[in-house]
Amino acid sequence: MCILKVMEHVYYVIDGQQRLNCIKQFHAGKIKLNKKFSGDKNAGNTYDKISNDDRHRFLNYNLPTHIVENYNDNQVRQLFSRLQRGKPLSLGERLNAMPGKNSY
């Protein structure tokens, strides 16, 4: 589970950890853009090499989120499980997602 701190608030990311880590790594200049998805103009570029317009679009992109409050541990695990039903998890992912007595 990923922890995201925004100002004085701390959020626990139930689903989307890989996506958020990728976004953070690109913003930090650690990931280059792929020609297949970014075109010839941006192929191989890192965040600091893209145009100001593209940076503005990146920084202002609306990521869909849903904040749930007052969920206990079991409710969070159930939510995560429901979100993952569309794509089976590997054994390692399942063990990390449902540790302890609630493992499957």
C-alpha atoms as a PDB file:
ATOM      1  CA  MET A   1       0.000   0.000   0.000  1.00  0.00           C
ATOM      2  CA  CYS A   2       1.289   3.426  -0.915  1.00  0.00           C
ATOM      3  CA  ILE A   3       1.106   6.397   1.446  1.00  0.00           C
ATOM      4  CA  LEU A   4       0.541   9.807  -0.110  1.00  0.00           C
ATOM      5  CA  LYS A   5       1.035  12.962   1.947  1.00  0.00           C
ATOM      6  CA  VAL A   6      -0.604  16.129   0.651  1.00  0.00           C
ATOM      7  CA  MET A   7      -0.046  19.157   2.847  1.00  0.00           C
ATOM      8  CA  GLU A   8      -1.137  18.124   6.362  1.00  0.00           C
ATOM      9  CA  HIS A   9      -3.259  15.194   5.142  1.00  0.00           C
ATOM     10  CA  VAL A  10      -2.041  11.603   4.808  1.00  0.00           C
ATOM     11  CA  TYR A  11      -3.811   9.285   2.356  1.00  0.00           C
ATOM     12  CA  TYR A  12      -3.382   5.542   1.935  1.00  0.00           C
ATOM     13  CA  VAL A  13      -3.643   4.445  -1.672  1.00  0.00           C
ATOM     14  CA  ILE A  14      -5.720   1.293  -1.941  1.00  0.00           C
ATOM     15  CA  ASP A  15      -5.366   0.881  -5.703  1.00  0.00           C
ATOM     16  CA  GLY A  16      -3.158   2.683  -8.216  1.00  0.00           C
ATOM     17  CA  GLN A  17       0.189   2.455  -6.432  1.00  0.00           C
ATOM     18  CA  GLN A  18       2.088   1.514  -9.610  1.00  0.00           C
ATOM     19  CA  ARG A  19       0.510   4.373 -11.530  1.00  0.00           C
ATOM     20  CA  LEU A  20       1.360   6.924  -8.815  1.00  0.00           C
ATOM     21  CA  ASN A  21       4.934   5.668  -8.534  1.00  0.00           C
ATOM     22  CA  CYS A  22       5.347   5.942 -12.307  1.00  0.00           C
ATOM     23  CA  ILE A  23       3.994   9.500 -12.299  1.00  0.00           C
ATOM     24  CA  LYS A  24       6.359  10.484  -9.469  1.00  0.00           C
ATOM     25  CA  GLN A  25       9.346   8.886 -11.221  1.00  0.00           C
ATOM     26  CA  PHE A  26       8.579  10.667 -14.504  1.00  0.00           C
ATOM     27  CA  HIS A  27       8.228  14.001 -12.692  1.00  0.00           C
ATOM     28  CA  ALA A  28      11.595  13.361 -11.000  1.00  0.00           C
ATOM     29  CA  GLY A  29      13.220  12.787 -14.411  1.00  0.00           C
ATOM     30  CA  LYS A  30      13.800   9.057 -13.863  1.00  0.00           C
ATOM     31  CA  ILE A  31      11.577   7.795 -16.699  1.00  0.00           C
ATOM     32  CA  LYS A  32      11.804   8.576 -20.417  1.00  0.00           C
ATOM     33  CA  LEU A  33       8.792   8.800 -22.678  1.00  0.00           C
ATOM     34  CA  ASN A  34       8.141   6.015 -25.160  1.00  0.00           C
ATOM     35  CA  LYS A  35       7.779   6.812 -28.879  1.00  0.00           C
ATOM     36  CA  LYS A  36       4.782   4.470 -29.230  1.00  0.00           C
ATOM     37  CA  PHE A  37       2.735   6.421 -26.685  1.00  0.00           C
ATOM     38  CA  SER A  38       4.327   9.886 -26.874  1.00  0.00           C
ATOM     39  CA  GLY A  39       5.137  10.321 -30.559  1.00  0.00           C
ATOM     40  CA  ASP A  40       8.332  11.328 -32.329  1.00  0.00           C
ATOM     41  CA  LYS A  41       8.413  14.787 -30.726  1.00  0.00           C
ATOM     42  CA  ASN A  42       8.709  13.492 -27.155  1.00  0.00           C
ATOM     43  CA  ALA A  43      10.331  10.077 -27.695  1.00  0.00           C
ATOM     44  CA  GLY A  44      13.113   9.580 -25.148  1.00  0.00           C
ATOM     45  CA  ASN A  45      12.371  12.819 -23.286  1.00  0.00           C
ATOM     46  CA  THR A  46      12.262  13.105 -19.527  1.00  0.00           C
ATOM     47  CA  TYR A  47      10.015  15.585 -17.710  1.00  0.00           C
ATOM     48  CA  ASP A  48      12.618  18.364 -17.842  1.00  0.00           C
ATOM     49  CA  LYS A  49      12.959  17.964 -21.645  1.00  0.00           C
ATOM     50  CA  ILE A  50       9.279  18.297 -22.594  1.00  0.00           C
ATOM     51  CA  SER A  51       7.755  21.614 -23.622  1.00  0.00           C
ATOM     52  CA  ASN A  52       6.271  24.038 -21.125  1.00  0.00           C
ATOM     53  CA  ASP A  53       2.826  23.308 -22.602  1.00  0.00           C
ATOM     54  CA  ASP A  54       3.286  19.566 -22.070  1.00  0.00           C
ATOM     55  CA  ARG A  55       4.522  20.153 -18.504  1.00  0.00           C
ATOM     56  CA  HIS A  56       1.460  22.284 -17.838  1.00  0.00           C
ATOM     57  CA  ARG A  57      -0.811  19.498 -19.183  1.00  0.00           C
ATOM     58  CA  PHE A  58       1.026  16.928 -17.054  1.00  0.00           C
ATOM     59  CA  LEU A  59       0.797  18.983 -13.860  1.00  0.00           C
ATOM     60  CA  ASN A  60      -2.870  19.839 -14.419  1.00  0.00           C
ATOM     61  CA  TYR A  61      -4.063  16.397 -15.496  1.00  0.00           C
ATOM     62  CA  ASN A  62      -7.102  15.338 -13.483  1.00  0.00           C
ATOM     63  CA  LEU A  63      -6.504  11.933 -11.892  1.00  0.00           C
ATOM     64  CA  PRO A  64      -9.807  10.338 -10.938  1.00  0.00           C
ATOM     65  CA  THR A  65      -9.833   9.525  -7.239  1.00  0.00           C
ATOM     66  CA  HIS A  66     -12.299   8.429  -4.633  1.00  0.00           C
ATOM     67  CA  ILE A  67     -11.613   9.181  -0.973  1.00  0.00           C
ATOM     68  CA  VAL A  68     -13.152   6.830   1.551  1.00  0.00           C
ATOM     69  CA  GLU A  69     -13.267   7.776   5.195  1.00  0.00           C
ATOM     70  CA  ASN A  70     -13.748   5.828   8.415  1.00  0.00           C
ATOM     71  CA  TYR A  71     -13.029   2.449   6.792  1.00  0.00           C
ATOM     72  CA  ASN A  72     -11.621  -0.220   9.089  1.00  0.00           C
ATOM     73  CA  ASP A  73      -8.871  -2.607   7.985  1.00  0.00           C
ATOM     74  CA  ASN A  74     -11.302  -5.315   6.876  1.00  0.00           C
ATOM     75  CA  GLN A  75     -13.338  -2.867   4.776  1.00  0.00           C
ATOM     76  CA  VAL A  76     -10.165  -1.592   3.076  1.00  0.00           C
ATOM     77  CA  ARG A  77      -9.121  -5.161   2.265  1.00  0.00           C
ATOM     78  CA  GLN A  78     -12.555  -5.963   0.845  1.00  0.00           C
ATOM     79  CA  LEU A  79     -12.488  -2.815  -1.286  1.00  0.00           C
ATOM     80  CA  PHE A  80      -9.049  -3.677  -2.618  1.00  0.00           C
ATOM     81  CA  SER A  81     -10.177  -7.225  -3.373  1.00  0.00           C
ATOM     82  CA  ARG A  82     -13.227  -5.985  -5.302  1.00  0.00           C
ATOM     83  CA  LEU A  83     -11.091  -3.546  -7.305  1.00  0.00           C
ATOM     84  CA  GLN A  84      -8.718  -6.353  -8.294  1.00  0.00           C
ATOM     85  CA  ARG A  85     -11.325  -8.900  -9.414  1.00  0.00           C
ATOM     86  CA  GLY A  86     -11.088  -7.700 -12.991  1.00  0.00           C
ATOM     87  CA  LYS A  87      -7.475  -8.846 -13.196  1.00  0.00           C
ATOM     88  CA  PRO A  88      -6.146 -11.781 -11.169  1.00  0.00           C
ATOM     89  CA  LEU A  89      -3.207 -10.983  -8.907  1.00  0.00           C
ATOM     90  CA  SER A  90      -0.044 -13.070  -8.777  1.00  0.00           C
ATOM     91  CA  LEU A  91       0.630 -15.073  -5.620  1.00  0.00           C
ATOM     92  CA  GLY A  92       3.162 -12.460  -4.431  1.00  0.00           C
ATOM     93  CA  GLU A  93       0.697  -9.613  -5.005  1.00  0.00           C
ATOM     94  CA  ARG A  94      -2.037 -11.498  -3.129  1.00  0.00           C
ATOM     95  CA  LEU A  95       0.245 -12.157  -0.177  1.00  0.00           C
ATOM     96  CA  ASN A  96       1.195  -8.484  -0.006  1.00  0.00           C
ATOM     97  CA  ALA A  97      -2.379  -7.291  -0.474  1.00  0.00           C
ATOM     98  CA  MET A  98      -3.922  -9.574   2.159  1.00  0.00           C
ATOM     99  CA  PRO A  99      -1.246 -10.242   4.800  1.00  0.00           C
ATOM    100  CA  GLY A 100      -1.816 -12.133   8.030  1.00  0.00           C
ATOM    101  CA  LYS A 101      -4.845 -14.223   8.911  1.00  0.00           C
ATOM    102  CA  ASN A 102      -6.911 -12.760   6.056  1.00  0.00           C
ATOM    103  CA  SER A 103      -4.511 -14.097   3.374  1.00  0.00           C
ATOM    104  CA  TYR A 104      -5.787 -16.294   0.599  1.00  0.00           C
END
